[in-house]
Amino acid sequence: MPFADISFGELLLIALEIFFFVVWIWILITILSDLFRDHELSGWAKAAWVLFLVFIPFLTALIYLIARGSGMRDRTIKAQADTKKHFDEYVRTQAHVSPADELHKLNDLKEKGALSAEEFDAAKAKLLA
């Protein structure tokens, strides 16, 4: 079919089909990544979910999202929190800044008048927590 024969409506329909195809692939990748992130599920159960996703994809994806959707959210939030924690630890170790150095900087800011006593106390409490 040459491009000259495609109407604007057909072009919009093709764009919509491509959009839904990309969304479908995204959903499958999300389900599979959640499936293998879950350490409470046995290997046989994971294999069964994958098998059903291959042979009955739409129904299986819908059932998975309904049955395990809240668990997906919890695992994703936990993974993001763990990633942030590891990143913060990495940055802290690479910066070679000790809490004593941070307290010294806070005290300098307080002496210069950039921080009030309340702000200094709040930052100090946060740093030492």
Protein backbone atom coordinates (compact mmCIF):
# COMPACT_ATOMS: atom_id res chain seq x y z
CA MET A 1 0.00 0.00 0.00
CA PRO A 2 1.76 3.21 -1.14
CA PHE A 3 1.79 6.17 1.23
CA ALA A 4 -0.17 8.29 -1.24
CA ASP A 5 -3.21 6.03 -0.79
CA ILE A 6 -3.37 6.39 3.02
CA SER A 7 -5.98 8.81 4.29
CA PHE A 8 -5.56 10.92 7.41
CA GLY A 9 -8.03 8.71 9.31
CA GLU A 10 -6.08 5.57 8.44
CA LEU A 11 -2.87 7.26 9.52
CA LEU A 12 -4.43 8.13 12.89
CA LEU A 13 -5.65 4.55 13.24
CA ILE A 14 -2.14 3.22 12.54
CA ALA A 15 -0.70 5.61 15.14
CA LEU A 16 -3.31 4.43 17.66
CA GLU A 17 -2.52 0.78 16.94
CA ILE A 18 1.21 1.41 17.43
CA PHE A 19 0.46 3.24 20.69
CA PHE A 20 -1.60 0.34 22.06
CA PHE A 21 1.05 -2.16 20.96
CA VAL A 22 3.75 -0.23 22.83
CA VAL A 23 1.51 0.01 25.91
CA TRP A 24 0.87 -3.74 25.73
CA ILE A 25 4.61 -4.51 25.56
CA TRP A 26 5.18 -2.12 28.48
CA ILE A 27 2.53 -3.91 30.56
CA LEU A 28 4.07 -7.30 29.80
CA ILE A 29 7.55 -6.10 30.76
CA THR A 30 6.17 -4.59 33.97
CA ILE A 31 4.38 -7.83 34.87
CA LEU A 32 7.43 -9.96 34.11
CA SER A 33 9.78 -7.72 36.07
CA ASP A 34 7.40 -7.75 39.03
CA LEU A 35 7.01 -11.49 38.75
CA PHE A 36 10.74 -12.11 39.02
CA ARG A 37 11.20 -9.42 41.70
CA ASP A 38 8.80 -11.25 44.02
CA HIS A 39 10.85 -13.52 46.30
CA GLU A 40 7.81 -14.98 48.06
CA LEU A 41 6.52 -16.70 44.90
CA SER A 42 7.93 -20.13 44.10
CA GLY A 43 9.72 -20.92 40.88
CA TRP A 44 6.88 -23.17 39.74
CA ALA A 45 4.33 -20.41 40.24
CA LYS A 46 6.51 -17.99 38.28
CA ALA A 47 6.85 -20.53 35.49
CA ALA A 48 3.06 -21.03 35.43
CA TRP A 49 2.45 -17.26 35.21
CA VAL A 50 4.94 -16.98 32.34
CA LEU A 51 3.41 -19.96 30.57
CA PHE A 52 -0.06 -18.48 30.82
CA LEU A 53 1.26 -15.08 29.71
CA VAL A 54 2.62 -16.72 26.57
CA PHE A 55 -0.48 -18.72 25.66
CA ILE A 56 -3.35 -16.61 27.06
CA PRO A 57 -1.74 -13.17 27.31
CA PHE A 58 -4.68 -10.76 27.64
CA LEU A 59 -6.66 -12.75 30.18
CA THR A 60 -3.56 -13.67 32.19
CA ALA A 61 -2.34 -10.06 32.29
CA LEU A 62 -5.74 -8.87 33.43
CA ILE A 63 -5.94 -11.54 36.14
CA TYR A 64 -2.38 -10.77 37.27
CA LEU A 65 -3.07 -7.04 37.54
CA ILE A 66 -6.27 -7.64 39.51
CA ALA A 67 -4.95 -10.39 41.79
CA ARG A 68 -1.45 -9.08 42.43
CA GLY A 69 -1.75 -5.35 41.69
CA SER A 70 -1.36 -4.11 45.26
CA GLY A 71 1.66 -6.36 45.73
CA MET A 72 3.14 -4.92 42.55
CA ARG A 73 2.80 -1.44 44.03
CA ASP A 74 4.36 -2.47 47.34
CA ARG A 75 7.31 -4.21 45.66
CA THR A 76 7.90 -1.23 43.37
CA ILE A 77 7.84 1.24 46.26
CA LYS A 78 10.23 -0.97 48.25
CA ALA A 79 12.58 -1.32 45.27
CA GLN A 80 12.58 2.46 44.73
CA ALA A 81 13.26 3.09 48.43
CA ASP A 82 16.11 0.55 48.41
CA THR A 83 17.58 2.12 45.28
CA LYS A 84 17.41 5.59 46.82
CA LYS A 85 19.01 4.33 50.03
CA HIS A 86 21.87 2.67 48.13
CA PHE A 87 22.37 5.75 45.97
CA ASP A 88 22.45 8.03 49.00
CA GLU A 89 24.99 5.75 50.69
CA TYR A 90 27.12 5.72 47.54
CA VAL A 91 27.05 9.51 47.25
CA ARG A 92 27.89 9.86 50.93
CA THR A 93 30.89 7.53 50.63
CA GLN A 94 32.12 9.23 47.47
CA ALA A 95 31.80 12.69 48.96
CA HIS A 96 34.02 11.72 51.92
CA VAL A 97 32.00 13.97 54.18
CA SER A 98 31.61 12.96 57.78
CA PRO A 99 28.78 14.13 60.04
CA ALA A 100 31.37 16.21 61.92
CA ASP A 101 32.23 18.08 58.69
CA GLU A 102 28.55 18.70 58.07
CA LEU A 103 28.08 20.02 61.61
CA HIS A 104 31.05 22.32 61.11
CA LYS A 105 29.53 23.68 57.89
CA LEU A 106 26.18 24.18 59.61
CA ASN A 107 27.86 26.01 62.47
CA ASP A 108 29.67 28.29 59.99
CA LEU A 109 26.37 29.09 58.30
CA LYS A 110 24.80 29.83 61.67
CA GLU A 111 27.67 32.14 62.64
CA LYS A 112 27.42 34.00 59.32
CA GLY A 113 23.71 34.51 59.92
CA ALA A 114 22.56 32.38 56.99
CA LEU A 115 20.79 29.98 59.37
CA SER A 116 18.65 30.83 62.35
CA ALA A 117 19.05 28.90 65.60
CA GLU A 118 15.84 26.94 64.87
CA GLU A 119 17.01 26.02 61.36
CA PHE A 120 20.41 25.02 62.75
CA ASP A 121 18.80 22.80 65.40
CA ALA A 122 16.48 21.19 62.85
CA ALA A 123 19.35 20.50 60.41
CA LYS A 124 21.52 19.19 63.25
CA ALA A 125 18.76 16.85 64.44
CA LYS A 126 18.22 15.60 60.89
CA LEU A 127 21.95 15.05 60.41
CA LEU A 128 22.40 13.17 63.66
CA ALA A 129 19.27 11.04 63.20
